[in-house]
């Protein structure tokens, strides 16, 4: 089907204006890296090096490498790693591999399926919250992952009025029981002395969070 202004192929040519590259090194220079290079790039990315920094480094060795080459490699690896698993399952696997502090809980669905929930924090988040425990801001975001699991974020405020992440949680529902479990896990991460130093907790009028806060022994103003 055509429409006014559409391009139409009138003729085709089976010749190239340049030699067809067959050398494997040419393909690698255009982003199709060898297996060892792939592993090295992904290791650096997981350890915190940005895709832009990786591309900039590789460009010192080959000017044909682009940022898209790196981001495509990362996207391909993430897609293969997830392979039908929920974001919670992938997160749990990564946390276990890295030995990071986390808590896991599962629930059975009506059709026998298993829904995992996970609460985690990073050492730098724990260290920062121990310095600035006075204010906690919490809220959930729904439908931001492949299984539409609620994402509960607890954040704090530092001495320069900048927010920082404290605790990250993927829940399987937004009941008061789930929120209460997440709060109890957070207390285990930081200890009773740090949690007792919380003065103000800010959230919206979520029924599940409010109910959990009522059940939770907390001296902070909510």
N, C-alpha and C. Protein backbone atom coordinates (compact mmCIF):
# COMPACT_ATOMS: atom_id res chain seq x y z
N UNK A 1 0.85 -1.19 0.00
CA UNK A 1 0.00 0.00 0.00
C UNK A 1 0.88 1.24 0.00
N UNK A 2 0.57 2.20 -0.83
CA UNK A 2 1.34 3.43 -0.90
C UNK A 2 0.46 4.61 -0.55
N UNK A 3 1.07 5.73 -0.28
CA UNK A 3 0.35 6.94 0.03
C UNK A 3 1.12 8.10 -0.59
N UNK A 4 0.50 9.26 -0.80
CA UNK A 4 1.18 10.40 -1.46
C UNK A 4 2.48 10.75 -0.76
N UNK A 5 3.55 10.82 -1.53
CA UNK A 5 4.84 11.18 -0.97
C UNK A 5 5.67 9.99 -0.50
N UNK A 6 5.08 8.77 -0.53
CA UNK A 6 5.82 7.59 -0.08
C UNK A 6 6.94 7.25 -1.04
N UNK A 7 8.07 6.77 -0.50
CA UNK A 7 9.17 6.35 -1.34
C UNK A 7 8.85 4.99 -1.94
N UNK A 8 9.23 4.79 -3.18
CA UNK A 8 9.02 3.51 -3.85
C UNK A 8 10.33 3.05 -4.47
N UNK A 9 10.66 1.75 -4.26
CA UNK A 9 11.88 1.19 -4.83
C UNK A 9 11.66 0.96 -6.32
N UNK A 10 12.48 1.59 -7.15
CA UNK A 10 12.38 1.45 -8.60
C UNK A 10 13.35 0.41 -9.13
N UNK A 11 14.53 0.31 -8.50
CA UNK A 11 15.52 -0.66 -8.94
C UNK A 11 16.43 -1.02 -7.78
N UNK A 12 17.11 -2.18 -7.88
CA UNK A 12 18.02 -2.63 -6.83
C UNK A 12 19.36 -2.96 -7.45
N UNK A 13 20.43 -2.78 -6.65
CA UNK A 13 21.77 -3.12 -7.10
C UNK A 13 22.38 -4.09 -6.11
N UNK A 14 23.00 -5.13 -6.61
CA UNK A 14 23.61 -6.15 -5.75
C UNK A 14 25.10 -5.94 -5.56
N UNK A 15 25.59 -4.75 -5.90
CA UNK A 15 27.01 -4.45 -5.75
C UNK A 15 27.21 -3.48 -4.60
N UNK A 16 28.43 -3.50 -4.02
CA UNK A 16 28.79 -2.60 -2.95
C UNK A 16 29.78 -1.56 -3.46
N UNK A 17 29.75 -0.39 -2.87
CA UNK A 17 30.69 0.66 -3.25
C UNK A 17 31.99 0.53 -2.47
N UNK A 18 32.10 -0.51 -1.60
CA UNK A 18 33.29 -0.74 -0.81
C UNK A 18 33.44 -2.22 -0.56
N UNK A 19 34.66 -2.70 -0.26
CA UNK A 19 34.84 -4.13 0.01
C UNK A 19 34.02 -4.57 1.22
N UNK A 20 33.43 -5.77 1.18
CA UNK A 20 32.67 -6.30 2.29
C UNK A 20 33.64 -6.83 3.33
N UNK A 21 33.53 -6.28 4.56
CA UNK A 21 34.45 -6.68 5.62
C UNK A 21 34.16 -8.08 6.14
N UNK A 22 35.20 -8.90 6.25
CA UNK A 22 35.03 -10.25 6.78
C UNK A 22 35.94 -10.51 7.97
N UNK A 23 36.86 -9.60 8.21
CA UNK A 23 37.80 -9.77 9.32
C UNK A 23 37.07 -9.63 10.65
N UNK A 24 37.25 -10.60 11.56
CA UNK A 24 36.55 -10.59 12.84
C UNK A 24 36.90 -9.36 13.65
N UNK A 25 38.14 -8.85 13.54
CA UNK A 25 38.54 -7.69 14.30
C UNK A 25 37.76 -6.45 13.89
N UNK A 26 37.33 -6.39 12.62
CA UNK A 26 36.51 -5.27 12.16
C UNK A 26 35.17 -5.28 12.85
N UNK A 27 34.58 -6.48 12.98
CA UNK A 27 33.29 -6.59 13.67
C UNK A 27 33.42 -6.19 15.12
N UNK A 28 34.50 -6.59 15.78
CA UNK A 28 34.70 -6.23 17.18
C UNK A 28 34.83 -4.72 17.35
N UNK A 29 35.52 -4.08 16.38
CA UNK A 29 35.72 -2.64 16.47
C UNK A 29 34.41 -1.89 16.36
N UNK A 30 33.40 -2.53 15.79
CA UNK A 30 32.11 -1.87 15.64
C UNK A 30 31.13 -2.28 16.74
N UNK A 31 31.65 -2.84 17.81
CA UNK A 31 30.80 -3.10 18.96
C UNK A 31 30.51 -4.55 19.21
N UNK A 32 30.86 -5.44 18.28
CA UNK A 32 30.64 -6.87 18.48
C UNK A 32 31.90 -7.43 19.15
N UNK A 33 31.99 -7.25 20.46
CA UNK A 33 33.22 -7.57 21.18
C UNK A 33 33.35 -9.07 21.38
N UNK A 34 34.59 -9.50 21.63
CA UNK A 34 34.80 -10.92 21.93
C UNK A 34 34.28 -11.22 23.33
N UNK A 35 34.18 -12.49 23.65
CA UNK A 35 33.54 -12.93 24.89
C UNK A 35 34.25 -12.38 26.13
N UNK A 36 35.60 -12.37 26.13
CA UNK A 36 36.33 -11.86 27.29
C UNK A 36 36.10 -10.37 27.48
N UNK A 37 36.05 -9.63 26.37
CA UNK A 37 35.79 -8.19 26.47
C UNK A 37 34.39 -7.95 27.00
N UNK A 38 33.42 -8.75 26.54
CA UNK A 38 32.05 -8.64 27.06
C UNK A 38 32.03 -8.81 28.57
N UNK A 39 32.70 -9.84 29.06
CA UNK A 39 32.71 -10.11 30.49
C UNK A 39 33.36 -8.97 31.27
N UNK A 40 34.48 -8.46 30.74
CA UNK A 40 35.17 -7.36 31.41
C UNK A 40 34.31 -6.11 31.48
N UNK A 41 33.64 -5.80 30.36
CA UNK A 41 32.79 -4.61 30.31
C UNK A 41 31.64 -4.72 31.30
N UNK A 42 31.01 -5.90 31.34
CA UNK A 42 29.87 -6.10 32.24
C UNK A 42 30.30 -6.09 33.70
N UNK A 43 31.49 -6.64 33.99
CA UNK A 43 32.01 -6.61 35.37
C UNK A 43 32.22 -5.17 35.83
N UNK A 44 32.79 -4.35 34.96
CA UNK A 44 33.01 -2.94 35.30
C UNK A 44 31.69 -2.21 35.48
N UNK A 45 30.71 -2.53 34.63
CA UNK A 45 29.40 -1.87 34.72
C UNK A 45 28.71 -2.22 36.03
N UNK A 46 28.74 -3.51 36.41
CA UNK A 46 28.11 -3.95 37.66
C UNK A 46 28.80 -3.31 38.87
N UNK A 47 30.10 -3.09 38.76
CA UNK A 47 30.85 -2.51 39.88
C UNK A 47 30.64 -1.00 40.00
N UNK A 48 29.88 -0.42 39.06
CA UNK A 48 29.54 1.00 39.19
C UNK A 48 30.07 1.92 38.11
N UNK A 49 30.86 1.40 37.16
CA UNK A 49 31.37 2.24 36.08
C UNK A 49 30.24 2.48 35.07
N UNK A 50 29.99 3.72 34.70
CA UNK A 50 28.88 4.03 33.80
C UNK A 50 29.18 3.58 32.38
N UNK A 51 28.10 3.39 31.61
CA UNK A 51 28.24 3.00 30.20
C UNK A 51 29.02 4.07 29.43
N UNK A 52 28.77 5.34 29.75
CA UNK A 52 29.47 6.43 29.06
C UNK A 52 30.97 6.38 29.32
N UNK A 53 31.37 6.06 30.55
CA UNK A 53 32.79 5.97 30.90
C UNK A 53 33.45 4.79 30.18
N UNK A 54 32.73 3.68 30.09
CA UNK A 54 33.25 2.51 29.39
C UNK A 54 33.46 2.83 27.91
N UNK A 55 32.48 3.51 27.32
CA UNK A 55 32.59 3.86 25.90
C UNK A 55 33.75 4.82 25.67
N UNK A 56 33.92 5.79 26.57
CA UNK A 56 35.00 6.77 26.44
C UNK A 56 36.36 6.07 26.52
N UNK A 57 36.48 5.09 27.40
CA UNK A 57 37.74 4.35 27.51
C UNK A 57 38.02 3.56 26.24
N UNK A 58 37.01 2.85 25.74
CA UNK A 58 37.22 2.03 24.54
C UNK A 58 37.50 2.88 23.31
N UNK A 59 36.98 4.11 23.30
CA UNK A 59 37.21 4.99 22.17
C UNK A 59 38.67 5.43 22.07
N UNK A 60 39.43 5.29 23.16
CA UNK A 60 40.86 5.58 23.10
C UNK A 60 41.61 4.48 22.35
N UNK A 61 40.96 3.32 22.19
CA UNK A 61 41.56 2.20 21.49
C UNK A 61 40.98 2.02 20.09
N UNK A 62 39.72 2.44 19.92
CA UNK A 62 39.08 2.33 18.60
C UNK A 62 38.03 3.42 18.48
N UNK A 63 38.18 4.30 17.49
CA UNK A 63 37.25 5.41 17.36
C UNK A 63 35.91 5.00 16.76
N UNK A 64 35.77 3.70 16.43
CA UNK A 64 34.50 3.23 15.87
C UNK A 64 33.53 2.73 16.95
N UNK A 65 34.01 2.62 18.20
CA UNK A 65 33.15 2.19 19.29
C UNK A 65 32.26 3.35 19.73
N UNK A 66 30.97 3.08 19.90
CA UNK A 66 30.02 4.12 20.30
C UNK A 66 29.36 3.76 21.63
N UNK A 67 28.71 4.75 22.21
CA UNK A 67 27.96 4.52 23.45
C UNK A 67 26.86 3.51 23.22
N UNK A 68 26.24 3.54 22.04
CA UNK A 68 25.18 2.57 21.73
C UNK A 68 25.69 1.14 21.77
N UNK A 69 26.95 0.92 21.38
CA UNK A 69 27.52 -0.43 21.45
C UNK A 69 27.51 -0.95 22.88
N UNK A 70 27.87 -0.08 23.83
CA UNK A 70 27.92 -0.48 25.23
C UNK A 70 26.52 -0.68 25.79
N UNK A 71 25.61 0.27 25.52
CA UNK A 71 24.25 0.15 26.06
C UNK A 71 23.53 -1.05 25.46
N UNK A 72 23.79 -1.36 24.19
CA UNK A 72 23.18 -2.55 23.58
C UNK A 72 23.68 -3.83 24.24
N UNK A 73 24.97 -3.86 24.56
CA UNK A 73 25.54 -5.02 25.25
C UNK A 73 24.90 -5.20 26.62
N UNK A 74 24.76 -4.10 27.36
CA UNK A 74 24.16 -4.15 28.70
C UNK A 74 22.71 -4.59 28.62
N UNK A 75 21.96 -4.02 27.65
CA UNK A 75 20.55 -4.39 27.49
C UNK A 75 20.41 -5.88 27.16
N UNK A 76 21.26 -6.38 26.26
CA UNK A 76 21.21 -7.79 25.88
C UNK A 76 21.49 -8.68 27.09
N UNK A 77 22.48 -8.31 27.89
CA UNK A 77 22.83 -9.10 29.07
C UNK A 77 21.68 -9.10 30.08
N UNK A 78 21.08 -7.93 30.30
CA UNK A 78 19.96 -7.84 31.24
C UNK A 78 18.79 -8.68 30.77
N UNK A 79 18.49 -8.63 29.47
CA UNK A 79 17.37 -9.40 28.92
C UNK A 79 17.58 -10.89 29.11
N UNK A 80 18.80 -11.36 28.84
CA UNK A 80 19.10 -12.78 29.00
C UNK A 80 19.10 -13.19 30.47
N UNK A 81 19.54 -12.28 31.33
CA UNK A 81 19.62 -12.60 32.76
C UNK A 81 18.24 -12.72 33.38
N UNK A 82 17.32 -11.83 32.98
CA UNK A 82 15.97 -11.85 33.53
C UNK A 82 15.23 -13.11 33.07
N UNK A 83 15.21 -13.36 31.78
CA UNK A 83 14.67 -14.61 31.20
C UNK A 83 13.37 -15.07 31.86
N UNK A 84 12.38 -14.19 31.93
CA UNK A 84 11.07 -14.56 32.43
C UNK A 84 10.90 -14.46 33.93
N UNK A 85 11.97 -14.19 34.67
CA UNK A 85 11.85 -14.06 36.12
C UNK A 85 11.32 -12.69 36.50
N UNK A 86 10.71 -12.60 37.66
CA UNK A 86 10.23 -11.31 38.12
C UNK A 86 11.41 -10.46 38.56
N UNK A 87 11.18 -9.13 38.64
CA UNK A 87 12.23 -8.23 39.09
C UNK A 87 12.67 -8.57 40.51
N UNK A 88 11.74 -9.03 41.35
CA UNK A 88 12.08 -9.41 42.71
C UNK A 88 13.03 -10.60 42.72
N UNK A 89 12.77 -11.59 41.88
CA UNK A 89 13.63 -12.78 41.82
C UNK A 89 15.02 -12.42 41.32
N UNK A 90 15.09 -11.56 40.31
CA UNK A 90 16.39 -11.11 39.79
C UNK A 90 17.15 -10.33 40.85
N UNK A 91 16.44 -9.43 41.55
CA UNK A 91 17.07 -8.63 42.60
C UNK A 91 17.61 -9.50 43.71
N UNK A 92 16.83 -10.48 44.14
CA UNK A 92 17.27 -11.40 45.20
C UNK A 92 18.54 -12.13 44.78
N UNK A 93 18.58 -12.60 43.54
CA UNK A 93 19.75 -13.32 43.04
C UNK A 93 20.98 -12.43 43.04
N UNK A 94 20.82 -11.18 42.61
CA UNK A 94 21.95 -10.24 42.58
C UNK A 94 22.43 -9.89 43.99
N UNK A 95 21.49 -9.70 44.92
CA UNK A 95 21.85 -9.36 46.29
C UNK A 95 22.60 -10.51 46.95
N UNK A 96 22.14 -11.74 46.71
CA UNK A 96 22.80 -12.90 47.28
C UNK A 96 24.21 -13.06 46.73
N UNK A 97 24.37 -12.81 45.42
CA UNK A 97 25.69 -12.93 44.80
C UNK A 97 26.66 -11.89 45.35
N UNK A 98 26.14 -10.69 45.62
CA UNK A 98 26.99 -9.60 46.10
C UNK A 98 27.15 -9.61 47.61
N UNK A 99 26.38 -10.46 48.32
CA UNK A 99 26.47 -10.51 49.78
C UNK A 99 25.96 -9.26 50.46
N UNK A 100 24.96 -8.59 49.88
CA UNK A 100 24.43 -7.35 50.43
C UNK A 100 23.28 -7.63 51.40
N UNK A 101 23.07 -6.76 52.39
CA UNK A 101 22.00 -6.99 53.38
C UNK A 101 20.62 -6.97 52.76
N UNK A 102 19.85 -8.02 52.99
CA UNK A 102 18.49 -8.09 52.44
C UNK A 102 17.67 -9.12 53.21
N UNK A 103 16.36 -9.00 53.10
CA UNK A 103 15.42 -9.94 53.71
C UNK A 103 14.41 -10.37 52.64
N UNK A 104 14.04 -11.65 52.68
CA UNK A 104 13.14 -12.20 51.67
C UNK A 104 11.93 -12.85 52.32
N UNK A 105 10.77 -12.68 51.71
CA UNK A 105 9.55 -13.30 52.18
C UNK A 105 8.75 -13.72 50.97
N UNK A 106 8.06 -14.85 51.05
CA UNK A 106 7.25 -15.32 49.91
C UNK A 106 5.81 -15.54 50.34
N UNK A 107 4.91 -15.45 49.36
CA UNK A 107 3.50 -15.72 49.60
C UNK A 107 2.97 -16.55 48.45
N UNK A 108 2.00 -17.41 48.72
CA UNK A 108 1.40 -18.25 47.70
C UNK A 108 0.14 -17.61 47.14
N UNK A 109 0.06 -17.57 45.80
CA UNK A 109 -1.11 -17.02 45.15
C UNK A 109 -2.25 -18.01 45.09
N UNK A 110 -3.43 -17.60 44.61
CA UNK A 110 -4.60 -18.48 44.57
C UNK A 110 -4.44 -19.68 43.63
N UNK A 111 -3.52 -19.55 42.65
CA UNK A 111 -3.32 -20.63 41.69
C UNK A 111 -2.02 -21.41 41.95
N UNK A 112 -1.50 -21.26 43.16
CA UNK A 112 -0.29 -21.99 43.52
C UNK A 112 1.00 -21.29 43.17
N UNK A 113 0.93 -20.12 42.52
CA UNK A 113 2.15 -19.42 42.17
C UNK A 113 2.78 -18.79 43.42
N UNK A 114 4.08 -18.60 43.38
CA UNK A 114 4.82 -18.05 44.51
C UNK A 114 5.24 -16.63 44.20
N UNK A 115 4.91 -15.70 45.09
CA UNK A 115 5.28 -14.30 44.92
C UNK A 115 6.35 -13.94 45.94
N UNK A 116 7.56 -13.59 45.51
CA UNK A 116 8.60 -13.18 46.45
C UNK A 116 8.54 -11.69 46.73
N UNK A 117 8.93 -11.32 47.92
CA UNK A 117 9.11 -9.91 48.29
C UNK A 117 10.52 -9.79 48.86
N UNK A 118 11.14 -8.63 48.65
CA UNK A 118 12.52 -8.45 49.11
C UNK A 118 12.72 -7.02 49.61
N UNK A 119 13.41 -6.91 50.75
CA UNK A 119 13.80 -5.62 51.32
C UNK A 119 15.32 -5.58 51.33
N UNK A 120 15.91 -4.50 50.84
CA UNK A 120 17.37 -4.44 50.84
C UNK A 120 17.87 -3.01 51.00
N UNK A 121 19.13 -2.93 51.40
CA UNK A 121 19.80 -1.64 51.53
C UNK A 121 21.26 -1.87 51.20
N UNK A 122 21.95 -0.78 50.88
CA UNK A 122 23.37 -0.86 50.55
C UNK A 122 24.20 -0.28 51.70
N UNK A 123 25.43 -0.75 51.87
CA UNK A 123 26.25 -0.26 52.99
C UNK A 123 26.34 1.26 53.05
N UNK A 124 26.48 1.93 51.88
CA UNK A 124 26.57 3.38 51.90
C UNK A 124 25.26 4.03 52.34
N UNK A 125 24.12 3.40 52.01
CA UNK A 125 22.83 3.92 52.45
C UNK A 125 22.69 3.77 53.97
N UNK A 126 23.10 2.62 54.48
CA UNK A 126 23.04 2.38 55.93
C UNK A 126 23.93 3.37 56.67
N UNK A 127 25.15 3.59 56.15
CA UNK A 127 26.08 4.51 56.80
C UNK A 127 25.54 5.94 56.81
N UNK A 128 24.93 6.36 55.70
CA UNK A 128 24.39 7.72 55.62
C UNK A 128 23.20 7.90 56.56
N UNK A 129 22.33 6.89 56.63
CA UNK A 129 21.17 7.00 57.50
C UNK A 129 21.57 7.03 58.98
N UNK A 130 22.62 6.35 59.32
CA UNK A 130 23.09 6.39 60.70
C UNK A 130 23.58 7.79 61.09
N UNK A 131 24.01 8.56 60.09
CA UNK A 131 24.42 9.95 60.35
C UNK A 131 23.22 10.89 60.41
N UNK A 132 22.20 10.60 59.57
CA UNK A 132 21.05 11.50 59.45
C UNK A 132 19.74 10.71 59.56
N UNK A 133 19.39 10.24 60.77
CA UNK A 133 18.19 9.41 60.92
C UNK A 133 16.92 10.18 61.27
N UNK A 134 16.99 11.50 61.33
CA UNK A 134 15.88 12.27 61.91
C UNK A 134 14.60 12.23 61.08
N UNK A 135 14.72 12.20 59.75
CA UNK A 135 13.55 12.28 58.88
C UNK A 135 13.51 11.08 57.94
N UNK A 136 12.32 10.47 57.82
CA UNK A 136 12.11 9.37 56.87
C UNK A 136 10.92 9.71 55.98
N UNK A 137 11.11 9.60 54.67
CA UNK A 137 10.04 9.81 53.70
C UNK A 137 9.77 8.48 53.03
N UNK A 138 8.51 8.08 52.97
CA UNK A 138 8.19 6.78 52.37
C UNK A 138 7.01 6.89 51.41
N UNK A 139 7.10 6.11 50.35
CA UNK A 139 6.01 6.09 49.37
C UNK A 139 6.17 4.85 48.50
N UNK A 140 5.06 4.44 47.88
CA UNK A 140 5.09 3.30 46.97
C UNK A 140 4.83 3.77 45.54
N UNK A 141 5.43 3.06 44.61
CA UNK A 141 5.20 3.29 43.18
C UNK A 141 4.78 1.98 42.57
N UNK A 142 3.65 1.98 41.88
CA UNK A 142 3.10 0.74 41.33
C UNK A 142 3.39 0.62 39.83
N UNK A 143 3.43 -0.62 39.35
CA UNK A 143 3.52 -0.93 37.92
C UNK A 143 4.77 -0.36 37.25
N UNK A 144 5.90 -0.44 37.94
CA UNK A 144 7.15 0.03 37.34
C UNK A 144 8.09 -1.13 37.02
N UNK A 145 7.60 -2.37 37.13
CA UNK A 145 8.45 -3.52 36.84
C UNK A 145 7.64 -4.56 36.09
N UNK A 146 8.30 -5.64 35.69
CA UNK A 146 7.65 -6.59 34.77
C UNK A 146 6.54 -7.42 35.40
N UNK A 147 6.37 -7.38 36.71
CA UNK A 147 5.28 -8.10 37.37
C UNK A 147 4.34 -7.15 38.10
N UNK A 148 4.49 -5.85 37.86
CA UNK A 148 3.62 -4.83 38.48
C UNK A 148 3.65 -4.90 40.00
N UNK A 149 4.81 -5.25 40.58
CA UNK A 149 4.94 -5.32 42.03
C UNK A 149 5.09 -3.92 42.61
N UNK A 150 4.50 -3.65 43.77
CA UNK A 150 4.68 -2.35 44.41
C UNK A 150 6.13 -2.15 44.84
N UNK A 151 6.68 -0.99 44.54
CA UNK A 151 8.03 -0.63 44.95
C UNK A 151 7.93 0.39 46.08
N UNK A 152 8.34 0.00 47.27
CA UNK A 152 8.32 0.88 48.44
C UNK A 152 9.72 1.45 48.65
N UNK A 153 9.81 2.77 48.69
CA UNK A 153 11.08 3.44 48.89
C UNK A 153 11.04 4.23 50.19
N UNK A 154 12.05 4.03 51.05
CA UNK A 154 12.25 4.86 52.23
C UNK A 154 13.48 5.72 51.99
N UNK A 155 13.34 7.00 52.13
CA UNK A 155 14.46 7.91 51.91
C UNK A 155 14.64 8.81 53.12
N UNK A 156 15.80 9.42 53.23
CA UNK A 156 16.10 10.33 54.32
C UNK A 156 16.53 11.68 53.79
N UNK A 157 16.89 12.57 54.70
CA UNK A 157 17.34 13.92 54.34
C UNK A 157 18.64 14.19 55.09
N UNK A 158 19.69 14.58 54.35
CA UNK A 158 20.98 14.80 55.00
C UNK A 158 21.13 16.23 55.52
N UNK A 159 22.32 16.58 56.00
CA UNK A 159 22.55 17.89 56.59
C UNK A 159 22.49 19.03 55.62
N UNK A 160 22.52 18.74 54.31
CA UNK A 160 22.42 19.77 53.27
C UNK A 160 21.04 19.78 52.62
N UNK A 161 20.06 19.16 53.30
CA UNK A 161 18.67 19.09 52.81
C UNK A 161 18.54 18.33 51.49
N UNK A 162 19.45 17.41 51.25
CA UNK A 162 19.38 16.56 50.07
C UNK A 162 18.84 15.19 50.47
N UNK A 163 17.97 14.65 49.65
CA UNK A 163 17.40 13.33 49.95
C UNK A 163 18.37 12.23 49.55
N UNK A 164 18.26 11.09 50.22
CA UNK A 164 19.07 9.92 49.89
C UNK A 164 18.25 8.67 50.17
N UNK A 165 18.53 7.60 49.44
CA UNK A 165 17.81 6.35 49.63
C UNK A 165 18.25 5.68 50.93
N UNK A 166 17.27 5.10 51.62
CA UNK A 166 17.55 4.39 52.87
C UNK A 166 17.28 2.90 52.71
N UNK A 167 16.07 2.57 52.29
CA UNK A 167 15.67 1.17 52.13
C UNK A 167 14.86 1.04 50.83
N UNK A 168 15.07 -0.07 50.13
CA UNK A 168 14.35 -0.37 48.90
C UNK A 168 13.57 -1.66 49.10
N UNK A 169 12.32 -1.70 48.65
CA UNK A 169 11.48 -2.87 48.89
C UNK A 169 10.60 -3.17 47.70
N UNK A 170 10.61 -4.42 47.25
CA UNK A 170 9.64 -4.91 46.28
C UNK A 170 8.67 -5.81 47.02
N UNK A 171 7.42 -5.41 47.11
CA UNK A 171 6.39 -6.16 47.82
C UNK A 171 5.49 -6.89 46.84
N UNK A 172 4.74 -7.89 47.33
CA UNK A 172 3.79 -8.56 46.45
C UNK A 172 2.38 -8.02 46.62
N UNK A 173 2.15 -7.17 47.65
CA UNK A 173 0.87 -6.48 47.80
C UNK A 173 1.08 -5.25 48.69
N UNK A 174 0.04 -4.48 48.89
CA UNK A 174 0.14 -3.26 49.69
C UNK A 174 -0.73 -3.34 50.95
N UNK A 175 -0.74 -4.52 51.57
CA UNK A 175 -1.48 -4.69 52.82
C UNK A 175 -0.64 -4.17 53.99
N UNK A 176 -1.31 -3.93 55.10
CA UNK A 176 -0.59 -3.45 56.28
C UNK A 176 0.42 -4.48 56.76
N UNK A 177 0.12 -5.78 56.58
CA UNK A 177 1.04 -6.84 57.00
C UNK A 177 2.34 -6.77 56.21
N UNK A 178 2.25 -6.49 54.91
CA UNK A 178 3.45 -6.39 54.08
C UNK A 178 4.28 -5.18 54.47
N UNK A 179 3.63 -4.05 54.69
CA UNK A 179 4.36 -2.85 55.10
C UNK A 179 5.00 -3.03 56.48
N UNK A 180 4.27 -3.67 57.39
CA UNK A 180 4.80 -3.91 58.72
C UNK A 180 6.05 -4.78 58.65
N UNK A 181 6.01 -5.80 57.80
CA UNK A 181 7.19 -6.67 57.62
C UNK A 181 8.36 -5.86 57.08
N UNK A 182 8.12 -4.98 56.11
CA UNK A 182 9.18 -4.16 55.54
C UNK A 182 9.80 -3.23 56.59
N UNK A 183 8.95 -2.63 57.45
CA UNK A 183 9.45 -1.74 58.49
C UNK A 183 10.29 -2.51 59.51
N UNK A 184 9.85 -3.71 59.86
CA UNK A 184 10.60 -4.52 60.82
C UNK A 184 11.97 -4.93 60.25
N UNK A 185 11.99 -5.23 58.94
CA UNK A 185 13.27 -5.56 58.30
C UNK A 185 14.21 -4.36 58.32
N UNK A 186 13.66 -3.17 58.06
CA UNK A 186 14.47 -1.96 58.07
C UNK A 186 15.08 -1.72 59.44
N UNK A 187 14.30 -1.98 60.49
CA UNK A 187 14.81 -1.81 61.85
C UNK A 187 15.97 -2.77 62.13
N UNK A 188 15.90 -3.97 61.55
CA UNK A 188 16.99 -4.93 61.73
C UNK A 188 18.27 -4.43 61.06
N UNK A 189 18.13 -3.76 59.92
CA UNK A 189 19.30 -3.24 59.22
C UNK A 189 20.03 -2.19 60.05
N UNK A 190 19.27 -1.31 60.72
CA UNK A 190 19.87 -0.14 61.36
C UNK A 190 20.00 -0.26 62.87
N UNK A 191 19.23 -1.14 63.49
CA UNK A 191 19.30 -1.29 64.93
C UNK A 191 18.35 -0.36 65.65
N UNK A 192 17.97 -0.69 66.88
CA UNK A 192 16.97 0.08 67.63
C UNK A 192 17.40 1.50 67.97
N UNK A 193 18.68 1.72 68.20
CA UNK A 193 19.14 3.06 68.58
C UNK A 193 18.96 4.06 67.44
N UNK A 194 19.30 3.64 66.23
CA UNK A 194 19.15 4.52 65.07
C UNK A 194 17.68 4.78 64.79
N UNK A 195 16.86 3.73 64.85
CA UNK A 195 15.42 3.89 64.57
C UNK A 195 14.76 4.78 65.62
N UNK A 196 15.23 4.72 66.84
CA UNK A 196 14.66 5.56 67.90
C UNK A 196 14.98 7.03 67.68
N UNK A 197 16.01 7.31 66.84
CA UNK A 197 16.40 8.70 66.57
C UNK A 197 15.56 9.34 65.47
N UNK A 198 14.64 8.57 64.86
CA UNK A 198 13.76 9.12 63.83
C UNK A 198 12.71 10.01 64.51
N UNK A 199 12.62 11.27 64.09
CA UNK A 199 11.69 12.22 64.69
C UNK A 199 10.42 12.41 63.84
N UNK A 200 10.57 12.38 62.53
CA UNK A 200 9.45 12.68 61.63
C UNK A 200 9.40 11.63 60.52
N UNK A 201 8.20 11.11 60.24
CA UNK A 201 7.97 10.19 59.13
C UNK A 201 6.92 10.82 58.21
N UNK A 202 7.25 10.96 56.94
CA UNK A 202 6.37 11.61 55.98
C UNK A 202 5.90 10.59 54.93
N UNK A 203 4.59 10.54 54.69
CA UNK A 203 4.04 9.67 53.67
C UNK A 203 2.69 10.22 53.24
N UNK A 204 2.10 9.62 52.19
CA UNK A 204 0.76 10.02 51.81
C UNK A 204 -0.25 9.26 52.67
N UNK A 205 -1.51 9.40 52.37
CA UNK A 205 -2.56 8.79 53.20
C UNK A 205 -2.87 7.37 52.75
N UNK A 206 -1.82 6.57 52.58
CA UNK A 206 -1.99 5.17 52.18
C UNK A 206 -2.53 4.38 53.37
N UNK A 207 -3.61 3.66 53.17
CA UNK A 207 -4.26 2.92 54.27
C UNK A 207 -3.33 1.86 54.84
N UNK A 208 -2.63 1.12 53.95
CA UNK A 208 -1.74 0.06 54.41
C UNK A 208 -0.59 0.58 55.22
N UNK A 209 0.04 1.68 54.75
CA UNK A 209 1.17 2.27 55.48
C UNK A 209 0.70 2.83 56.81
N UNK A 210 -0.43 3.54 56.80
CA UNK A 210 -0.94 4.13 58.04
C UNK A 210 -1.24 3.06 59.08
N UNK A 211 -1.88 1.98 58.66
CA UNK A 211 -2.21 0.89 59.57
C UNK A 211 -0.95 0.25 60.13
N UNK A 212 0.06 0.07 59.27
CA UNK A 212 1.32 -0.53 59.72
C UNK A 212 2.03 0.37 60.72
N UNK A 213 1.96 1.68 60.50
CA UNK A 213 2.61 2.61 61.41
C UNK A 213 1.93 2.60 62.79
N UNK A 214 0.62 2.41 62.80
CA UNK A 214 -0.10 2.33 64.07
C UNK A 214 0.34 1.09 64.85
N UNK A 215 0.55 -0.02 64.14
CA UNK A 215 0.97 -1.25 64.80
C UNK A 215 2.43 -1.20 65.22
N UNK A 216 3.24 -0.44 64.48
CA UNK A 216 4.67 -0.37 64.75
C UNK A 216 4.93 0.52 65.97
N UNK A 217 5.77 0.04 66.87
CA UNK A 217 6.15 0.84 68.03
C UNK A 217 7.12 1.92 67.55
N UNK A 218 6.65 3.15 67.51
CA UNK A 218 7.46 4.22 66.95
C UNK A 218 7.14 5.52 67.69
N UNK A 219 8.18 6.23 68.10
CA UNK A 219 7.98 7.49 68.82
C UNK A 219 8.02 8.69 67.91
N UNK A 220 8.25 8.46 66.61
CA UNK A 220 8.34 9.57 65.67
C UNK A 220 6.97 10.16 65.36
N UNK A 221 6.95 11.42 64.96
CA UNK A 221 5.72 12.07 64.53
C UNK A 221 5.43 11.67 63.10
N UNK A 222 4.21 11.10 62.88
CA UNK A 222 3.86 10.60 61.55
C UNK A 222 2.78 11.46 60.95
